[in-house]
């Protein structure tokens, strides 16, 4: 883990143009309230999209929008 320690010790140097670009993206960034509430609870709903039979790897994506609403409602009904 020496490589990890060395990586954390030195801050990443970025040019001023890259810093401006990152700042502009951060200003425009809006997180969906449903996803934000998932971060607050410490859980994210995701769909696993890896093929059956894969060993040691799990690919997937975080649920958003209508798909997220559907599964949240489904889980709420399941709890009752």
N, C-alpha and C. Protein backbone atom coordinates (compact mmCIF):
# COMPACT_ATOMS: atom_id res chain seq x y z
N UNK A 1 0.80 -1.21 0.00
CA UNK A 1 0.00 0.00 0.00
C UNK A 1 0.84 1.27 0.00
N UNK A 2 2.12 1.14 -0.29
CA UNK A 2 2.98 2.31 -0.34
C UNK A 2 2.57 3.25 -1.47
N UNK A 3 2.10 2.67 -2.56
CA UNK A 3 1.69 3.51 -3.70
C UNK A 3 0.50 4.37 -3.32
N UNK A 4 -0.44 3.83 -2.54
CA UNK A 4 -1.61 4.58 -2.11
C UNK A 4 -1.23 5.72 -1.18
N UNK A 5 -0.24 5.48 -0.30
CA UNK A 5 0.20 6.52 0.62
C UNK A 5 0.88 7.65 -0.12
N UNK A 6 1.68 7.32 -1.11
CA UNK A 6 2.37 8.34 -1.88
C UNK A 6 1.38 9.16 -2.71
N UNK A 7 0.36 8.49 -3.21
CA UNK A 7 -0.64 9.17 -4.04
C UNK A 7 -1.42 10.18 -3.21
N UNK A 8 -1.79 9.83 -1.95
CA UNK A 8 -2.56 10.72 -1.09
C UNK A 8 -1.73 11.90 -0.59
N UNK A 9 -0.42 11.72 -0.45
CA UNK A 9 0.43 12.75 0.12
C UNK A 9 0.57 13.96 -0.81
N UNK A 10 0.67 13.73 -2.10
CA UNK A 10 0.88 14.83 -3.05
C UNK A 10 -0.46 15.29 -3.62
N UNK A 11 -0.81 16.59 -3.45
CA UNK A 11 -2.05 17.08 -4.05
C UNK A 11 -1.94 17.13 -5.57
N UNK A 12 -3.06 16.95 -6.23
CA UNK A 12 -3.08 16.95 -7.68
C UNK A 12 -2.96 18.39 -8.17
N UNK A 13 -2.03 18.62 -9.10
CA UNK A 13 -1.84 19.95 -9.65
C UNK A 13 -2.66 20.08 -10.93
N UNK A 14 -3.46 21.13 -10.99
CA UNK A 14 -4.31 21.36 -12.16
C UNK A 14 -4.06 22.76 -12.68
N UNK A 15 -4.17 22.89 -13.98
CA UNK A 15 -3.99 24.21 -14.58
C UNK A 15 -5.20 25.07 -14.26
N UNK A 16 -5.06 26.36 -14.44
CA UNK A 16 -6.15 27.29 -14.11
C UNK A 16 -7.35 27.06 -15.02
N UNK A 17 -7.12 26.66 -16.27
CA UNK A 17 -8.24 26.43 -17.18
C UNK A 17 -9.04 25.20 -16.74
N UNK A 18 -8.36 24.17 -16.25
CA UNK A 18 -9.04 22.97 -15.76
C UNK A 18 -9.81 23.30 -14.49
N UNK A 19 -9.22 24.11 -13.61
CA UNK A 19 -9.91 24.51 -12.38
C UNK A 19 -11.18 25.29 -12.69
N UNK A 20 -11.14 26.18 -13.69
CA UNK A 20 -12.33 26.94 -14.09
C UNK A 20 -13.40 26.01 -14.64
N UNK A 21 -12.98 25.03 -15.45
CA UNK A 21 -13.91 24.08 -16.05
C UNK A 21 -14.60 23.25 -14.95
N UNK A 22 -13.84 22.81 -13.98
CA UNK A 22 -14.41 22.01 -12.88
C UNK A 22 -15.37 22.86 -12.05
N UNK A 23 -14.99 24.10 -11.77
CA UNK A 23 -15.85 25.00 -11.00
C UNK A 23 -17.17 25.26 -11.73
N UNK A 24 -17.11 25.44 -13.06
CA UNK A 24 -18.33 25.67 -13.84
C UNK A 24 -19.24 24.44 -13.80
N UNK A 25 -18.66 23.25 -13.89
CA UNK A 25 -19.46 22.03 -13.84
C UNK A 25 -20.10 21.85 -12.46
N UNK A 26 -19.37 22.20 -11.41
CA UNK A 26 -19.90 22.07 -10.06
C UNK A 26 -21.07 23.04 -9.84
N UNK A 27 -21.00 24.24 -10.43
CA UNK A 27 -22.06 25.22 -10.28
C UNK A 27 -23.34 24.77 -10.97
N UNK A 28 -23.21 24.10 -12.12
CA UNK A 28 -24.37 23.67 -12.90
C UNK A 28 -24.96 22.36 -12.40
N UNK A 29 -24.22 21.64 -11.57
CA UNK A 29 -24.60 20.29 -11.16
C UNK A 29 -25.83 20.33 -10.24
N UNK A 30 -26.85 19.56 -10.59
CA UNK A 30 -28.05 19.44 -9.76
C UNK A 30 -28.31 17.95 -9.56
N UNK A 31 -28.38 17.53 -8.30
CA UNK A 31 -28.64 16.13 -7.99
C UNK A 31 -30.13 15.96 -7.74
N UNK A 32 -30.69 14.92 -8.34
CA UNK A 32 -32.10 14.60 -8.16
C UNK A 32 -32.39 14.40 -6.68
N UNK A 33 -33.47 14.98 -6.14
CA UNK A 33 -33.78 14.84 -4.72
C UNK A 33 -33.93 13.38 -4.27
N UNK A 34 -34.43 12.52 -5.16
CA UNK A 34 -34.57 11.11 -4.80
C UNK A 34 -33.20 10.47 -4.58
N UNK A 35 -32.25 10.79 -5.42
CA UNK A 35 -30.90 10.24 -5.27
C UNK A 35 -30.22 10.85 -4.04
N UNK A 36 -30.46 12.12 -3.82
CA UNK A 36 -29.89 12.79 -2.65
C UNK A 36 -30.40 12.16 -1.36
N UNK A 37 -31.68 11.79 -1.31
CA UNK A 37 -32.23 11.15 -0.11
C UNK A 37 -31.60 9.78 0.10
N UNK A 38 -31.23 9.10 -0.99
CA UNK A 38 -30.56 7.82 -0.86
C UNK A 38 -29.18 7.99 -0.23
N UNK A 39 -28.47 9.04 -0.60
CA UNK A 39 -27.17 9.31 0.01
C UNK A 39 -27.33 9.59 1.49
N UNK A 40 -28.41 10.30 1.88
CA UNK A 40 -28.65 10.61 3.28
C UNK A 40 -28.85 9.35 4.11
N UNK A 41 -29.56 8.36 3.54
CA UNK A 41 -29.80 7.12 4.27
C UNK A 41 -28.60 6.18 4.20
N UNK A 42 -27.67 6.45 3.30
CA UNK A 42 -26.48 5.60 3.19
C UNK A 42 -26.67 4.41 2.27
N UNK A 43 -27.73 4.40 1.47
CA UNK A 43 -27.99 3.31 0.53
C UNK A 43 -28.27 3.88 -0.85
N UNK A 44 -27.80 3.17 -1.86
CA UNK A 44 -28.10 3.54 -3.24
C UNK A 44 -28.72 2.32 -3.91
N UNK A 45 -29.85 2.51 -4.59
CA UNK A 45 -30.46 1.42 -5.34
C UNK A 45 -29.76 1.35 -6.69
N UNK A 46 -29.35 0.14 -7.06
CA UNK A 46 -28.63 -0.04 -8.31
C UNK A 46 -29.13 -1.31 -8.98
N UNK A 47 -28.90 -1.40 -10.26
CA UNK A 47 -29.27 -2.58 -11.05
C UNK A 47 -27.98 -3.24 -11.51
N UNK A 48 -27.86 -4.54 -11.24
CA UNK A 48 -26.68 -5.27 -11.68
C UNK A 48 -26.90 -5.70 -13.12
N UNK A 49 -25.96 -5.34 -13.98
CA UNK A 49 -26.12 -5.62 -15.40
C UNK A 49 -25.05 -6.57 -15.95
N UNK A 50 -24.30 -7.19 -15.06
CA UNK A 50 -23.28 -8.13 -15.56
C UNK A 50 -23.94 -9.44 -15.97
N UNK A 51 -23.29 -10.15 -16.84
CA UNK A 51 -23.84 -11.39 -17.37
C UNK A 51 -23.70 -12.51 -16.35
N UNK A 52 -24.59 -13.49 -16.39
CA UNK A 52 -24.46 -14.63 -15.48
C UNK A 52 -23.16 -15.40 -15.77
N UNK A 53 -22.54 -15.89 -14.74
CA UNK A 53 -21.33 -16.68 -14.90
C UNK A 53 -20.05 -15.88 -14.77
N UNK A 54 -20.15 -14.56 -14.68
CA UNK A 54 -18.93 -13.77 -14.49
C UNK A 54 -18.43 -13.98 -13.06
N UNK A 55 -17.16 -14.14 -12.91
CA UNK A 55 -16.56 -14.36 -11.59
C UNK A 55 -15.71 -13.16 -11.19
N UNK A 56 -15.92 -12.69 -9.97
CA UNK A 56 -15.07 -11.64 -9.43
C UNK A 56 -15.34 -10.25 -9.97
N UNK A 57 -16.45 -10.05 -10.64
CA UNK A 57 -16.75 -8.73 -11.19
C UNK A 57 -18.25 -8.51 -11.21
N UNK A 58 -18.65 -7.29 -10.88
CA UNK A 58 -20.07 -6.96 -10.88
C UNK A 58 -20.24 -5.59 -11.54
N UNK A 59 -20.88 -5.55 -12.69
CA UNK A 59 -21.12 -4.30 -13.39
C UNK A 59 -22.57 -3.90 -13.17
N UNK A 60 -22.83 -2.62 -13.14
CA UNK A 60 -24.20 -2.16 -12.95
C UNK A 60 -24.28 -0.66 -13.07
N UNK A 61 -25.47 -0.14 -12.69
CA UNK A 61 -25.67 1.31 -12.76
C UNK A 61 -26.63 1.72 -11.65
N UNK A 62 -26.52 2.97 -11.22
CA UNK A 62 -27.38 3.52 -10.17
C UNK A 62 -28.72 3.89 -10.79
N UNK A 63 -29.81 3.52 -10.13
CA UNK A 63 -31.15 3.80 -10.65
C UNK A 63 -31.45 5.29 -10.53
N UNK A 64 -32.10 5.83 -11.57
CA UNK A 64 -32.48 7.24 -11.60
C UNK A 64 -33.87 7.38 -12.21
N UNK A 65 -34.48 8.52 -11.98
CA UNK A 65 -35.72 8.89 -12.66
C UNK A 65 -36.88 7.94 -12.40
N UNK A 66 -37.61 7.60 -13.47
CA UNK A 66 -38.81 6.77 -13.37
C UNK A 66 -38.49 5.38 -12.84
N UNK A 67 -37.35 4.85 -13.25
CA UNK A 67 -36.96 3.52 -12.79
C UNK A 67 -36.74 3.51 -11.28
N UNK A 68 -36.11 4.55 -10.74
CA UNK A 68 -35.90 4.66 -9.30
C UNK A 68 -37.23 4.79 -8.57
N UNK A 69 -38.13 5.64 -9.08
CA UNK A 69 -39.44 5.82 -8.45
C UNK A 69 -40.21 4.50 -8.40
N UNK A 70 -40.15 3.73 -9.48
CA UNK A 70 -40.85 2.45 -9.54
C UNK A 70 -40.37 1.52 -8.43
N UNK A 71 -39.05 1.37 -8.29
CA UNK A 71 -38.52 0.44 -7.30
C UNK A 71 -38.72 0.94 -5.87
N UNK A 72 -38.69 2.26 -5.66
CA UNK A 72 -38.95 2.80 -4.32
C UNK A 72 -40.38 2.49 -3.91
N UNK A 73 -41.34 2.68 -4.84
CA UNK A 73 -42.74 2.37 -4.55
C UNK A 73 -42.90 0.88 -4.29
N UNK A 74 -42.26 0.06 -5.09
CA UNK A 74 -42.35 -1.39 -4.95
C UNK A 74 -41.82 -1.84 -3.59
N UNK A 75 -40.72 -1.26 -3.15
CA UNK A 75 -40.15 -1.62 -1.85
C UNK A 75 -41.02 -1.12 -0.71
N UNK A 76 -41.67 0.04 -0.89
CA UNK A 76 -42.56 0.57 0.15
C UNK A 76 -43.77 -0.35 0.31
N UNK A 77 -44.31 -0.85 -0.82
CA UNK A 77 -45.44 -1.78 -0.75
C UNK A 77 -45.02 -3.10 -0.10
N UNK A 78 -43.81 -3.51 -0.35
CA UNK A 78 -43.31 -4.77 0.20
C UNK A 78 -43.18 -4.71 1.72
N UNK A 79 -42.81 -3.52 2.26
CA UNK A 79 -42.66 -3.35 3.69
C UNK A 79 -44.00 -3.44 4.42
N UNK A 80 -45.07 -3.02 3.76
CA UNK A 80 -46.39 -3.03 4.40
C UNK A 80 -46.94 -4.38 4.46
